[in-house]
N, C-alpha and C. Protein backbone atom coordinates (compact mmCIF):
# COMPACT_ATOMS: atom_id res chain seq x y z
N MET A 1 -15.86 -5.77 -16.51
CA MET A 1 -14.84 -5.66 -16.98
C MET A 1 -14.09 -7.33 -17.28
N GLY A 2 -14.04 -7.78 -16.22
CA GLY A 2 -13.46 -9.07 -15.91
C GLY A 2 -14.31 -10.39 -17.35
N ARG A 3 -15.55 -9.80 -17.71
CA ARG A 3 -16.09 -10.69 -18.45
C ARG A 3 -15.28 -10.58 -19.74
N VAL A 4 -14.75 -9.34 -20.30
CA VAL A 4 -14.19 -9.18 -21.45
C VAL A 4 -12.40 -9.30 -21.67
N LEU A 5 -12.04 -9.22 -20.38
CA LEU A 5 -10.49 -9.50 -20.59
C LEU A 5 -9.92 -10.53 -20.73
N LYS A 6 -9.11 -10.89 -21.56
CA LYS A 6 -8.52 -12.20 -21.83
C LYS A 6 -7.73 -12.62 -20.60
N PRO A 7 -8.11 -13.88 -20.45
CA PRO A 7 -6.88 -14.66 -18.85
C PRO A 7 -5.65 -14.08 -19.33
N GLY A 8 -5.05 -13.77 -17.58
CA GLY A 8 -4.05 -12.97 -17.83
C GLY A 8 -4.07 -11.37 -18.09
N GLY A 9 -5.18 -10.85 -18.66
CA GLY A 9 -5.19 -9.63 -18.94
C GLY A 9 -5.44 -8.80 -17.71
N ARG A 10 -4.74 -7.45 -17.88
CA ARG A 10 -4.57 -6.53 -16.77
C ARG A 10 -5.68 -5.36 -16.94
N LEU A 11 -6.16 -5.02 -15.92
CA LEU A 11 -6.99 -3.83 -15.91
C LEU A 11 -6.29 -2.76 -14.85
N LEU A 12 -6.74 -1.42 -15.32
CA LEU A 12 -5.60 -0.35 -14.56
C LEU A 12 -6.70 0.50 -14.39
N LEU A 13 -7.17 0.92 -13.34
CA LEU A 13 -7.88 2.00 -12.83
C LEU A 13 -7.41 2.97 -12.05
N VAL A 14 -8.30 4.51 -12.45
CA VAL A 14 -8.15 5.75 -11.48
C VAL A 14 -9.20 5.74 -10.93
N GLU A 15 -9.60 5.67 -9.81
CA GLU A 15 -11.05 5.80 -9.61
C GLU A 15 -11.03 6.94 -8.28
N HIS A 16 -12.30 7.62 -8.19
CA HIS A 16 -12.82 8.32 -7.37
C HIS A 16 -13.69 7.15 -6.34
N VAL A 17 -12.98 7.32 -5.24
CA VAL A 17 -13.44 5.94 -4.06
C VAL A 17 -14.27 6.50 -2.87
N CYS A 18 -14.65 5.78 -2.18
CA CYS A 18 -14.94 6.18 -0.67
C CYS A 18 -13.98 6.41 0.09
N ALA A 19 -13.76 7.21 0.88
CA ALA A 19 -12.40 7.11 1.86
C ALA A 19 -12.76 6.46 3.23
N ALA A 20 -11.28 6.06 3.11
CA ALA A 20 -11.30 5.19 4.40
C ALA A 20 -11.71 5.94 5.46
N ASN A 21 -11.45 7.39 5.85
CA ASN A 21 -11.90 7.84 6.88
C ASN A 21 -13.50 7.71 7.15
N ALA A 22 -13.94 7.10 8.41
CA ALA A 22 -15.25 6.93 8.22
C ALA A 22 -15.94 8.15 8.44
N LEU A 23 -16.13 9.53 8.81
CA LEU A 23 -16.27 10.77 8.88
C LEU A 23 -16.30 10.89 7.19
N VAL A 24 -15.36 11.14 6.30
CA VAL A 24 -15.23 11.34 5.12
C VAL A 24 -16.18 10.38 4.16
N GLY A 25 -16.12 9.24 4.73
CA GLY A 25 -16.92 8.39 4.26
C GLY A 25 -18.23 8.28 4.34
N ARG A 26 -18.78 8.58 5.34
CA ARG A 26 -20.35 9.15 5.83
C ARG A 26 -20.85 10.07 4.70
N LEU A 27 -19.69 11.29 4.79
CA LEU A 27 -20.33 12.61 4.38
C LEU A 27 -20.31 12.40 2.64
N GLN A 28 -19.33 11.84 2.22
CA GLN A 28 -19.41 11.11 0.74
C GLN A 28 -21.02 10.18 0.61
N ASP A 29 -21.14 9.26 1.42
CA ASP A 29 -22.34 8.76 1.39
C ASP A 29 -23.63 9.57 1.32
N LEU A 30 -23.58 10.54 1.86
CA LEU A 30 -24.90 11.59 2.45
C LEU A 30 -24.70 12.26 0.91
N ALA A 31 -23.70 13.05 0.58
CA ALA A 31 -23.60 13.81 -0.71
C ALA A 31 -23.84 12.65 -2.17
N ASN A 32 -23.55 11.66 -1.78
CA ASN A 32 -23.53 11.02 -3.19
C ASN A 32 -25.03 11.01 -4.28
N PRO A 33 -26.31 10.98 -3.53
CA PRO A 33 -27.20 11.37 -4.24
C PRO A 33 -27.18 12.62 -5.29
N ILE A 34 -26.91 13.73 -4.19
CA ILE A 34 -26.86 15.00 -5.21
C ILE A 34 -26.11 14.97 -6.07
N SER A 35 -24.47 14.34 -5.94
CA SER A 35 -23.81 14.10 -6.69
C SER A 35 -24.28 13.49 -8.03
N VAL A 36 -25.00 12.26 -7.87
CA VAL A 36 -25.40 11.49 -9.14
C VAL A 36 -26.46 12.56 -9.84
N ARG A 37 -27.46 13.07 -9.12
CA ARG A 37 -28.45 14.09 -9.70
C ARG A 37 -27.92 14.85 -10.38
N MET A 38 -26.98 15.97 -9.95
CA MET A 38 -26.28 16.87 -10.63
C MET A 38 -25.21 16.17 -11.52
N THR A 39 -24.50 15.47 -11.68
CA THR A 39 -23.28 15.44 -12.47
C THR A 39 -23.16 14.07 -13.17
N GLY A 40 -24.25 12.91 -12.48
CA GLY A 40 -23.87 11.66 -12.88
C GLY A 40 -22.53 10.75 -12.13
N VAL A 41 -22.01 11.69 -11.36
CA VAL A 41 -20.99 11.23 -10.85
C VAL A 41 -21.30 10.54 -9.34
N ASN A 42 -20.83 9.15 -9.02
CA ASN A 42 -20.90 8.66 -7.51
C ASN A 42 -19.63 8.74 -6.98
N VAL A 43 -19.76 9.53 -5.84
CA VAL A 43 -18.50 9.88 -5.27
C VAL A 43 -17.94 8.68 -3.95
N ASN A 44 -18.90 7.78 -3.84
CA ASN A 44 -18.74 6.91 -2.81
C ASN A 44 -18.43 5.45 -3.39
N ARG A 45 -17.59 5.10 -4.63
CA ARG A 45 -17.29 3.94 -5.05
C ARG A 45 -16.56 3.00 -4.10
N ARG A 46 -16.93 1.59 -3.72
CA ARG A 46 -15.79 1.00 -3.36
C ARG A 46 -15.57 0.00 -4.53
N THR A 47 -14.65 0.76 -5.21
CA THR A 47 -13.91 -0.12 -6.51
C THR A 47 -12.80 -0.94 -6.04
N THR A 48 -12.26 -1.26 -5.35
CA THR A 48 -11.44 -2.45 -5.01
C THR A 48 -12.38 -3.67 -4.61
N ASP A 49 -13.47 -3.38 -3.68
CA ASP A 49 -14.21 -4.56 -3.64
C ASP A 49 -14.97 -4.78 -4.93
N ASN A 50 -15.48 -4.16 -5.68
CA ASN A 50 -16.24 -4.10 -6.94
C ASN A 50 -15.21 -4.97 -8.16
N VAL A 51 -13.95 -4.89 -8.08
CA VAL A 51 -13.31 -5.49 -8.75
C VAL A 51 -12.86 -6.71 -8.18
N THR A 52 -12.71 -7.06 -7.36
CA THR A 52 -12.91 -8.45 -6.51
C THR A 52 -14.16 -9.52 -6.67
N LYS A 53 -15.37 -8.68 -6.65
CA LYS A 53 -16.59 -9.26 -7.05
C LYS A 53 -16.70 -9.76 -8.38
N ALA A 54 -15.87 -9.10 -9.33
CA ALA A 54 -16.21 -9.61 -10.33
C ALA A 54 -15.24 -10.49 -10.88
N GLY A 55 -14.36 -11.11 -10.08
CA GLY A 55 -13.57 -12.18 -10.10
C GLY A 55 -12.24 -12.01 -10.21
N LEU A 56 -11.56 -10.60 -10.53
CA LEU A 56 -10.45 -10.12 -10.78
C LEU A 56 -9.41 -10.29 -9.61
N ALA A 57 -8.51 -10.48 -9.58
CA ALA A 57 -7.06 -10.68 -8.44
C ALA A 57 -6.62 -9.03 -8.40
N VAL A 58 -6.81 -8.47 -7.57
CA VAL A 58 -6.45 -7.22 -7.04
C VAL A 58 -4.69 -7.27 -6.94
N GLU A 59 -3.75 -6.57 -7.51
CA GLU A 59 -2.24 -6.68 -7.72
C GLU A 59 -2.12 -5.56 -7.02
N ARG A 60 -2.91 -4.39 -7.30
CA ARG A 60 -2.16 -3.09 -6.86
C ARG A 60 -3.46 -2.39 -6.45
N ASP A 61 -3.29 -1.39 -5.48
CA ASP A 61 -4.08 -0.80 -4.58
C ASP A 61 -3.77 0.64 -3.85
N GLU A 62 -3.55 1.86 -4.74
CA GLU A 62 -2.97 2.67 -4.04
C GLU A 62 -3.50 3.93 -3.78
N ALA A 63 -3.46 4.51 -2.67
CA ALA A 63 -4.19 5.99 -2.75
C ALA A 63 -3.28 7.04 -3.29
N LEU A 64 -3.92 7.75 -4.09
CA LEU A 64 -3.41 8.65 -4.76
C LEU A 64 -4.03 10.58 -4.15
N GLY A 65 -3.70 10.50 -2.65
CA GLY A 65 -3.56 11.71 -2.05
C GLY A 65 -5.11 11.91 -2.14
N MET A 66 -5.25 13.20 -1.59
CA MET A 66 -6.57 13.65 -1.67
C MET A 66 -7.38 12.94 -0.18
N ARG A 67 -6.70 12.79 0.96
CA ARG A 67 -7.10 11.70 1.64
C ARG A 67 -7.77 10.40 1.34
N GLY A 68 -7.49 9.90 0.33
CA GLY A 68 -7.76 8.55 -0.35
C GLY A 68 -8.79 8.33 -1.15
N ILE A 69 -9.09 9.33 -1.13
CA ILE A 69 -10.43 9.29 -2.26
C ILE A 69 -10.22 9.16 -3.44
N PHE A 70 -9.30 9.26 -4.05
CA PHE A 70 -8.97 8.43 -5.36
C PHE A 70 -7.50 7.55 -5.16
N ARG A 71 -7.65 6.82 -6.03
CA ARG A 71 -7.28 5.13 -5.73
C ARG A 71 -6.58 4.76 -7.58
N LEU A 72 -5.40 4.02 -7.37
CA LEU A 72 -5.24 3.52 -8.59
C LEU A 72 -5.22 1.72 -8.12
N VAL A 73 -5.94 1.45 -8.99
CA VAL A 73 -6.23 -0.35 -8.65
C VAL A 73 -5.68 -0.69 -9.82
N GLY A 74 -5.13 -1.71 -9.89
CA GLY A 74 -4.63 -3.11 -11.03
C GLY A 74 -4.88 -3.88 -10.54
N ALA A 75 -5.22 -4.83 -11.29
CA ALA A 75 -5.95 -6.27 -11.19
C ALA A 75 -5.80 -7.05 -12.30
N ARG A 76 -6.09 -8.52 -12.46
CA ARG A 76 -5.45 -9.01 -13.55
C ARG A 76 -6.85 -10.45 -13.21
N ARG A 77 -6.86 -10.41 -14.70
CA ARG A 77 -7.85 -11.94 -14.92
C ARG A 77 -6.93 -13.27 -14.35
N HIS A 78 -7.62 -13.91 -13.65
CA HIS A 78 -7.50 -15.21 -13.96
C HIS A 78 -6.99 -16.27 -14.53
């Protein structure tokens, strides 16, 4: 997405991510292959890291309940 955003453009994501809790995160990692096969959904994404790796500046990163497995991530292209 960083490739198609205009300079200064904003990206807002609501994502299902890997939990910060180590036990829950490990369970998500174990369940992910099954989830992908059955529904096509990755349950253990590391969205904030991926947004940063795409060259975007993360401006907002908030947990949205459910033990932190849903996050609101806002970013801007430099």
